[in-house]
Amino acid sequence: MEALGLFNYWVVVFLMMTGFYVVIAQGNLMKKIVGLNIFQVAVFVFYISMAKVKGGTAPILADGIEVYSNPLPHVLILTAIVVGVATTALGLALVVRIRKAYGTIEEDEIQSLEDDS
């Protein structure tokens, strides 16, 4: 039963290893960007699941409420999502430029073209 209590950690580990594998194993630049995004989502899930307080409520003072959740991690994740979208857009723009310059987005083909010249 203890493994079910750690379900969020298993999800994070699975997503991180999946994203890491895609970045390392794939030669296609688009697939690498997707792998980086999967890895990034794993970090988001980890951070948010660590910030969750069981029974916690919004930090608004009221009678009878003793357990509060800190909203700062959630706000930081919103900021990280915006930065992640901007980074993904930049990566996709670079892939478009690389495709225009080399005619391919495969790493090995680009490397062979660079070695030939």
N, C-alpha and C. Protein backbone atom coordinates (compact mmCIF):
# COMPACT_ATOMS: atom_id res chain seq x y z
N MET A 1 0.81 -1.20 0.00
CA MET A 1 0.00 0.00 0.00
C MET A 1 0.85 1.26 0.00
N GLU A 2 2.08 1.14 0.46
CA GLU A 2 2.95 2.31 0.53
C GLU A 2 3.27 2.84 -0.86
N ALA A 3 3.34 1.96 -1.85
CA ALA A 3 3.66 2.38 -3.22
C ALA A 3 2.56 3.28 -3.78
N LEU A 4 1.32 3.05 -3.41
CA LEU A 4 0.24 3.90 -3.90
C LEU A 4 0.33 5.31 -3.32
N GLY A 5 0.85 5.43 -2.12
CA GLY A 5 1.02 6.73 -1.51
C GLY A 5 2.12 7.55 -2.19
N LEU A 6 2.98 6.86 -2.93
CA LEU A 6 4.07 7.53 -3.63
C LEU A 6 3.83 7.57 -5.13
N PHE A 7 2.57 7.50 -5.53
CA PHE A 7 2.23 7.44 -6.94
C PHE A 7 2.76 8.65 -7.72
N ASN A 8 2.68 9.84 -7.13
CA ASN A 8 3.15 11.03 -7.83
C ASN A 8 4.65 10.95 -8.11
N TYR A 9 5.42 10.34 -7.21
CA TYR A 9 6.85 10.19 -7.46
C TYR A 9 7.13 9.23 -8.61
N TRP A 10 6.34 8.17 -8.68
CA TRP A 10 6.50 7.23 -9.79
C TRP A 10 6.18 7.90 -11.12
N VAL A 11 5.15 8.71 -11.12
CA VAL A 11 4.80 9.44 -12.35
C VAL A 11 5.93 10.39 -12.74
N VAL A 12 6.48 11.08 -11.77
CA VAL A 12 7.58 12.03 -12.04
C VAL A 12 8.80 11.29 -12.58
N VAL A 13 9.16 10.18 -11.96
CA VAL A 13 10.32 9.41 -12.42
C VAL A 13 10.09 8.89 -13.83
N PHE A 14 8.89 8.38 -14.10
CA PHE A 14 8.59 7.88 -15.44
C PHE A 14 8.68 8.99 -16.48
N LEU A 15 8.09 10.14 -16.19
CA LEU A 15 8.14 11.26 -17.14
C LEU A 15 9.57 11.77 -17.34
N MET A 16 10.33 11.87 -16.26
CA MET A 16 11.71 12.33 -16.39
C MET A 16 12.55 11.38 -17.23
N MET A 17 12.43 10.10 -16.96
CA MET A 17 13.23 9.13 -17.71
C MET A 17 12.78 9.04 -19.17
N THR A 18 11.49 9.20 -19.41
CA THR A 18 10.99 9.22 -20.78
C THR A 18 11.54 10.42 -21.53
N GLY A 19 11.45 11.59 -20.93
CA GLY A 19 11.97 12.80 -21.57
C GLY A 19 13.46 12.72 -21.78
N PHE A 20 14.20 12.22 -20.78
CA PHE A 20 15.66 12.09 -20.89
C PHE A 20 16.03 11.12 -22.00
N TYR A 21 15.32 9.99 -22.08
CA TYR A 21 15.59 9.01 -23.13
C TYR A 21 15.35 9.60 -24.51
N VAL A 22 14.27 10.34 -24.67
CA VAL A 22 13.96 10.94 -25.98
C VAL A 22 15.05 11.92 -26.38
N VAL A 23 15.53 12.73 -25.44
CA VAL A 23 16.57 13.70 -25.75
C VAL A 23 17.87 13.00 -26.14
N ILE A 24 18.22 11.94 -25.43
CA ILE A 24 19.49 11.25 -25.69
C ILE A 24 19.41 10.36 -26.92
N ALA A 25 18.33 9.63 -27.10
CA ALA A 25 18.27 8.58 -28.12
C ALA A 25 17.87 9.08 -29.51
N GLN A 26 17.15 10.17 -29.60
CA GLN A 26 16.63 10.61 -30.89
C GLN A 26 17.60 11.58 -31.56
N GLY A 27 17.67 11.47 -32.88
CA GLY A 27 18.51 12.38 -33.66
C GLY A 27 17.72 13.51 -34.29
N ASN A 28 16.42 13.39 -34.28
CA ASN A 28 15.55 14.40 -34.86
C ASN A 28 15.41 15.57 -33.87
N LEU A 29 15.65 16.77 -34.34
CA LEU A 29 15.62 17.93 -33.45
C LEU A 29 14.23 18.21 -32.89
N MET A 30 13.20 17.95 -33.66
CA MET A 30 11.82 18.14 -33.16
C MET A 30 11.53 17.17 -32.01
N LYS A 31 11.97 15.95 -32.15
CA LYS A 31 11.75 14.95 -31.09
C LYS A 31 12.53 15.34 -29.83
N LYS A 32 13.69 15.94 -30.00
CA LYS A 32 14.45 16.40 -28.84
C LYS A 32 13.70 17.51 -28.10
N ILE A 33 13.07 18.40 -28.83
CA ILE A 33 12.29 19.46 -28.19
C ILE A 33 11.10 18.87 -27.43
N VAL A 34 10.45 17.87 -28.02
CA VAL A 34 9.35 17.19 -27.33
C VAL A 34 9.87 16.51 -26.07
N GLY A 35 11.03 15.86 -26.14
CA GLY A 35 11.62 15.23 -24.96
C GLY A 35 11.93 16.23 -23.87
N LEU A 36 12.45 17.39 -24.24
CA LEU A 36 12.71 18.43 -23.25
C LEU A 36 11.42 18.90 -22.59
N ASN A 37 10.36 19.00 -23.36
CA ASN A 37 9.06 19.41 -22.80
C ASN A 37 8.51 18.36 -21.84
N ILE A 38 8.69 17.09 -22.16
CA ILE A 38 8.24 16.03 -21.27
C ILE A 38 9.02 16.09 -19.95
N PHE A 39 10.32 16.30 -20.05
CA PHE A 39 11.15 16.43 -18.86
C PHE A 39 10.71 17.63 -18.02
N GLN A 40 10.39 18.71 -18.70
CA GLN A 40 9.96 19.93 -18.02
C GLN A 40 8.63 19.69 -17.29
N VAL A 41 7.72 18.99 -17.90
CA VAL A 41 6.44 18.68 -17.26
C VAL A 41 6.66 17.83 -16.01
N ALA A 42 7.64 16.93 -16.07
CA ALA A 42 7.95 16.12 -14.89
C ALA A 42 8.40 17.00 -13.73
N VAL A 43 9.19 18.00 -14.01
CA VAL A 43 9.64 18.91 -12.96
C VAL A 43 8.45 19.69 -12.40
N PHE A 44 7.54 20.12 -13.27
CA PHE A 44 6.35 20.83 -12.81
C PHE A 44 5.51 19.95 -11.89
N VAL A 45 5.27 18.72 -12.31
CA VAL A 45 4.45 17.80 -11.50
C VAL A 45 5.12 17.55 -10.16
N PHE A 46 6.43 17.37 -10.17
CA PHE A 46 7.15 17.13 -8.91
C PHE A 46 7.02 18.32 -7.97
N TYR A 47 7.23 19.49 -8.48
CA TYR A 47 7.21 20.69 -7.64
C TYR A 47 5.81 20.94 -7.07
N ILE A 48 4.79 20.78 -7.90
CA ILE A 48 3.42 21.00 -7.43
C ILE A 48 3.00 19.93 -6.44
N SER A 49 3.38 18.67 -6.69
CA SER A 49 2.99 17.61 -5.76
C SER A 49 3.71 17.75 -4.42
N MET A 50 4.91 18.31 -4.42
CA MET A 50 5.60 18.55 -3.15
C MET A 50 4.95 19.70 -2.38
N ALA A 51 4.36 20.64 -3.10
CA ALA A 51 3.78 21.82 -2.45
C ALA A 51 2.38 21.56 -1.90
N LYS A 52 1.76 20.46 -2.28
CA LYS A 52 0.40 20.17 -1.82
C LYS A 52 0.40 19.80 -0.35
N VAL A 53 -0.44 20.49 0.41
CA VAL A 53 -0.58 20.21 1.84
C VAL A 53 -1.95 19.55 2.04
N LYS A 54 -1.95 18.35 2.59
CA LYS A 54 -3.21 17.64 2.80
C LYS A 54 -4.07 18.39 3.81
N GLY A 55 -5.26 18.73 3.39
CA GLY A 55 -6.18 19.46 4.26
C GLY A 55 -5.93 20.95 4.29
N GLY A 56 -4.97 21.42 3.54
CA GLY A 56 -4.64 22.84 3.53
C GLY A 56 -5.63 23.64 2.70
N THR A 57 -5.84 24.87 3.13
CA THR A 57 -6.72 25.76 2.39
C THR A 57 -5.94 26.98 1.94
N ALA A 58 -6.60 27.85 1.21
CA ALA A 58 -5.97 29.09 0.77
C ALA A 58 -5.57 29.91 2.00
N PRO A 59 -4.47 30.66 1.91
CA PRO A 59 -4.00 31.42 3.07
C PRO A 59 -4.83 32.67 3.35
N ILE A 60 -6.09 32.45 3.66
CA ILE A 60 -7.00 33.54 4.02
C ILE A 60 -7.40 33.30 5.47
N LEU A 61 -7.15 34.28 6.30
CA LEU A 61 -7.44 34.13 7.73
C LEU A 61 -8.95 34.02 7.94
N ALA A 62 -9.33 32.95 8.60
CA ALA A 62 -10.74 32.73 8.93
C ALA A 62 -10.80 31.88 10.19
N ASP A 63 -11.93 31.93 10.85
CA ASP A 63 -12.11 31.15 12.07
C ASP A 63 -12.17 29.66 11.75
N GLY A 64 -11.50 28.86 12.56
CA GLY A 64 -11.57 27.41 12.43
C GLY A 64 -10.58 26.81 11.43
N ILE A 65 -9.85 27.62 10.72
CA ILE A 65 -8.88 27.09 9.75
C ILE A 65 -7.49 27.16 10.37
N GLU A 66 -6.84 26.01 10.42
CA GLU A 66 -5.52 25.96 11.04
C GLU A 66 -4.42 25.56 10.06
N VAL A 67 -4.77 24.89 8.97
CA VAL A 67 -3.76 24.40 8.02
C VAL A 67 -3.90 25.19 6.73
N TYR A 68 -2.81 25.82 6.35
CA TYR A 68 -2.82 26.63 5.13
C TYR A 68 -1.84 26.06 4.11
N SER A 69 -2.16 26.26 2.84
CA SER A 69 -1.26 25.90 1.75
C SER A 69 -0.51 27.14 1.31
N ASN A 70 0.74 26.95 0.97
CA ASN A 70 1.55 28.05 0.47
C ASN A 70 1.30 28.21 -1.03
N PRO A 71 0.83 29.36 -1.50
CA PRO A 71 0.55 29.53 -2.93
C PRO A 71 1.80 29.83 -3.76
N LEU A 72 2.92 30.10 -3.12
CA LEU A 72 4.13 30.48 -3.86
C LEU A 72 4.60 29.41 -4.86
N PRO A 73 4.65 28.12 -4.51
CA PRO A 73 5.09 27.14 -5.51
C PRO A 73 4.21 27.12 -6.76
N HIS A 74 2.92 27.30 -6.59
CA HIS A 74 2.02 27.29 -7.73
C HIS A 74 2.25 28.50 -8.62
N VAL A 75 2.51 29.63 -8.00
CA VAL A 75 2.81 30.85 -8.76
C VAL A 75 4.13 30.69 -9.51
N LEU A 76 5.11 30.09 -8.87
CA LEU A 76 6.40 29.86 -9.52
C LEU A 76 6.25 28.91 -10.71
N ILE A 77 5.40 27.93 -10.59
CA ILE A 77 5.18 27.01 -11.70
C ILE A 77 4.50 27.72 -12.86
N LEU A 78 3.56 28.62 -12.57
CA LEU A 78 2.95 29.40 -13.65
C LEU A 78 4.01 30.20 -14.41
N THR A 79 4.94 30.78 -13.67
CA THR A 79 6.03 31.51 -14.31
C THR A 79 6.91 30.57 -15.12
N ALA A 80 7.19 29.39 -14.57
CA ALA A 80 8.01 28.41 -15.28
C ALA A 80 7.32 27.92 -16.55
N ILE A 81 6.00 27.82 -16.53
CA ILE A 81 5.27 27.41 -17.74
C ILE A 81 5.43 28.46 -18.83
N VAL A 82 5.35 29.73 -18.46
CA VAL A 82 5.52 30.80 -19.44
C VAL A 82 6.94 30.76 -20.02
N VAL A 83 7.93 30.58 -19.15
CA VAL A 83 9.31 30.48 -19.62
C VAL A 83 9.49 29.25 -20.51
N GLY A 84 8.84 28.15 -20.15
CA GLY A 84 8.91 26.93 -20.96
C GLY A 84 8.31 27.11 -22.34
N VAL A 85 7.20 27.81 -22.41
CA VAL A 85 6.58 28.07 -23.72
C VAL A 85 7.49 28.94 -24.57
N ALA A 86 8.10 29.95 -23.96
CA ALA A 86 9.03 30.82 -24.70
C ALA A 86 10.25 30.04 -25.17
N THR A 87 10.78 29.16 -24.32
CA THR A 87 11.93 28.35 -24.70
C THR A 87 11.58 27.39 -25.83
N THR A 88 10.40 26.80 -25.76
CA THR A 88 9.95 25.91 -26.83
C THR A 88 9.79 26.68 -28.14
N ALA A 89 9.24 27.87 -28.07
CA ALA A 89 9.09 28.69 -29.28
C ALA A 89 10.45 29.02 -29.89
N LEU A 90 11.40 29.36 -29.04
CA LEU A 90 12.76 29.64 -29.54
C LEU A 90 13.38 28.41 -30.15
N GLY A 91 13.22 27.26 -29.51
CA GLY A 91 13.75 26.01 -30.06
C GLY A 91 13.13 25.68 -31.40
N LEU A 92 11.82 25.87 -31.53
CA LEU A 92 11.16 25.60 -32.80
C LEU A 92 11.61 26.57 -33.89
N ALA A 93 11.82 27.82 -33.50
CA ALA A 93 12.33 28.80 -34.47
C ALA A 93 13.72 28.41 -34.95
N LEU A 94 14.56 27.93 -34.04
CA LEU A 94 15.89 27.47 -34.43
C LEU A 94 15.83 26.26 -35.35
N VAL A 95 14.90 25.35 -35.06
CA VAL A 95 14.74 24.17 -35.93
C VAL A 95 14.31 24.61 -37.33
N VAL A 96 13.43 25.59 -37.43
CA VAL A 96 13.01 26.08 -38.75
C VAL A 96 14.20 26.67 -39.49
N ARG A 97 15.02 27.45 -38.79
CA ARG A 97 16.21 28.04 -39.42
C ARG A 97 17.23 26.97 -39.83
N ILE A 98 17.40 25.96 -39.00
CA ILE A 98 18.32 24.87 -39.33
C ILE A 98 17.81 24.11 -40.55
N ARG A 99 16.51 23.88 -40.60
CA ARG A 99 15.91 23.19 -41.76
C ARG A 99 16.12 23.99 -43.03
N LYS A 100 15.97 25.31 -42.93
CA LYS A 100 16.16 26.16 -44.09
C LYS A 100 17.62 26.17 -44.54
N ALA A 101 18.55 26.16 -43.59
CA ALA A 101 19.98 26.22 -43.92
C ALA A 101 20.52 24.89 -44.42
N TYR A 102 20.12 23.78 -43.81
CA TYR A 102 20.70 22.48 -44.13
C TYR A 102 19.77 21.55 -44.90
N GLY A 103 18.50 21.85 -44.93
CA GLY A 103 17.56 20.99 -45.64
C GLY A 103 17.13 19.76 -44.85
N THR A 104 17.52 19.66 -43.60
CA THR A 104 17.16 18.52 -42.76
C THR A 104 17.17 18.94 -41.30
N ILE A 105 16.51 18.13 -40.45
CA ILE A 105 16.55 18.38 -39.01
C ILE A 105 17.09 17.15 -38.28
N GLU A 106 17.74 16.26 -39.00
CA GLU A 106 18.38 15.09 -38.40
C GLU A 106 19.82 15.44 -38.03
N GLU A 107 20.20 15.15 -36.78
CA GLU A 107 21.52 15.52 -36.29
C GLU A 107 22.66 14.92 -37.10
N ASP A 108 22.57 13.63 -37.41
CA ASP A 108 23.67 12.97 -38.12
C ASP A 108 23.84 13.52 -39.54
N GLU A 109 22.75 13.86 -40.19
CA GLU A 109 22.84 14.43 -41.54
C GLU A 109 23.46 15.83 -41.49
N ILE A 110 23.09 16.62 -40.49
CA ILE A 110 23.68 17.95 -40.34
C ILE A 110 25.17 17.84 -40.05
N GLN A 111 25.55 16.89 -39.20
CA GLN A 111 26.96 16.70 -38.87
C GLN A 111 27.75 16.25 -40.08
N SER A 112 27.19 15.37 -40.90
CA SER A 112 27.90 14.94 -42.11
C SER A 112 28.03 16.08 -43.11
N LEU A 113 27.01 16.93 -43.19
CA LEU A 113 27.10 18.09 -44.07
C LEU A 113 28.19 19.06 -43.59
N GLU A 114 28.30 19.22 -42.28
CA GLU A 114 29.33 20.09 -41.71
C GLU A 114 30.72 19.50 -41.91
N ASP A 115 30.84 18.19 -41.80
CA ASP A 115 32.14 17.55 -41.98
C ASP A 115 32.61 17.62 -43.43
N ASP A 116 31.66 17.56 -44.38
CA ASP A 116 32.00 17.60 -45.80
C ASP A 116 32.48 18.99 -46.23
N SER A 117 32.01 20.04 -45.58
CA SER A 117 32.38 21.37 -46.02
C SER A 117 33.59 21.91 -45.32
